[in-house]
Amino acid sequence: MIRRAGAVGIVLACAALALAGCGERPQVVTYKQGSYQGKPDQPPYTGAPFDGNQKEWDNALRQRNQAQNEYKRIGS
């Protein structure tokens, strides 16, 4: 009797686990045609240090890249 109750419990547990996987809803995004629904993109130089000055941002980026260049850093 105890073996039969244990087997029935295992079968019920397996059935519960199998049915638990069936409850997932589909994750489909609905798009509106022709419109972007995300955050609007802004140029990287519109931030606080540069305040919209693209030339200053370009110079700072170029200078940072040259500081990471091993040939320029070592001086060979």
Protein backbone atom coordinates (compact mmCIF):
# COMPACT_ATOMS: atom_id res chain seq x y z
CA MET A 1 0.00 0.00 0.00
CA ILE A 2 2.81 2.40 0.87
CA ARG A 3 4.62 1.68 -2.42
CA ARG A 4 1.47 2.39 -4.40
CA ALA A 5 0.93 5.73 -2.58
CA GLY A 6 4.55 6.70 -3.24
CA ALA A 7 4.24 5.85 -6.94
CA VAL A 8 1.00 7.81 -7.24
CA GLY A 9 2.68 10.79 -5.56
CA ILE A 10 5.60 10.66 -7.99
CA VAL A 11 3.25 10.46 -10.98
CA LEU A 12 1.20 13.40 -9.69
CA ALA A 13 4.35 15.45 -9.09
CA CYS A 14 5.60 14.74 -12.62
CA ALA A 15 2.21 15.66 -14.08
CA ALA A 16 2.18 18.92 -12.11
CA LEU A 17 5.66 19.81 -13.40
CA ALA A 18 4.69 18.98 -16.97
CA LEU A 19 1.58 21.15 -16.78
CA ALA A 20 3.48 24.03 -15.16
CA GLY A 21 5.50 24.52 -18.35
CA CYS A 22 2.33 24.95 -20.41
CA GLY A 23 1.26 28.12 -18.62
CA GLU A 24 3.76 30.47 -20.29
CA ARG A 25 2.23 33.29 -22.30
CA PRO A 26 3.68 34.23 -25.69
CA GLN A 27 6.03 37.21 -25.47
CA VAL A 28 5.26 39.06 -28.68
CA VAL A 29 5.84 42.78 -29.03
CA THR A 30 3.28 44.78 -30.93
CA TYR A 31 4.86 47.42 -33.15
CA LYS A 32 3.19 50.53 -34.45
CA GLN A 33 4.07 50.92 -38.11
CA GLY A 34 6.45 53.79 -38.79
CA SER A 35 7.09 54.93 -35.23
CA TYR A 36 9.95 54.20 -32.85
CA GLN A 37 8.66 53.63 -29.34
CA GLY A 38 11.99 53.70 -27.51
CA LYS A 39 14.03 56.48 -26.01
CA PRO A 40 15.12 59.11 -28.54
CA ASP A 41 18.82 59.07 -29.33
CA GLN A 42 20.98 62.12 -28.79
CA PRO A 43 24.49 62.76 -30.10
CA PRO A 44 27.21 61.93 -27.55
CA TYR A 45 28.56 65.48 -27.46
CA THR A 46 25.33 67.00 -26.11
CA GLY A 47 26.32 66.09 -22.54
CA ALA A 48 27.61 68.33 -19.77
CA PRO A 49 31.33 68.56 -20.54
CA PHE A 50 30.89 69.63 -24.17
CA ASP A 51 27.43 71.26 -24.25
CA GLY A 52 26.83 70.55 -27.93
CA ASN A 53 30.32 71.49 -29.18
CA GLN A 54 31.11 68.69 -31.63
CA LYS A 55 34.62 69.92 -32.51
CA GLU A 56 35.67 69.94 -28.86
CA TRP A 57 34.24 66.44 -28.44
CA ASP A 58 36.11 65.20 -31.54
CA ASN A 59 39.39 66.67 -30.24
CA ALA A 60 38.92 65.11 -26.80
CA LEU A 61 38.14 61.73 -28.35
CA ARG A 62 41.16 61.92 -30.65
CA GLN A 63 43.41 62.89 -27.73
CA ARG A 64 42.09 60.01 -25.61
CA ASN A 65 42.71 57.55 -28.43
CA GLN A 66 46.26 58.79 -28.87
CA ALA A 67 46.89 58.36 -25.14
CA GLN A 68 45.96 54.68 -25.54
CA ASN A 69 48.30 54.19 -28.48
CA GLU A 70 51.32 52.20 -27.30
CA TYR A 71 53.62 53.63 -29.98
CA LYS A 72 52.86 57.20 -28.86
CA ARG A 73 53.02 56.40 -25.14
CA ILE A 74 56.40 54.68 -25.15
CA GLY A 75 57.92 57.14 -27.58
CA SER A 76 59.55 54.71 -29.99
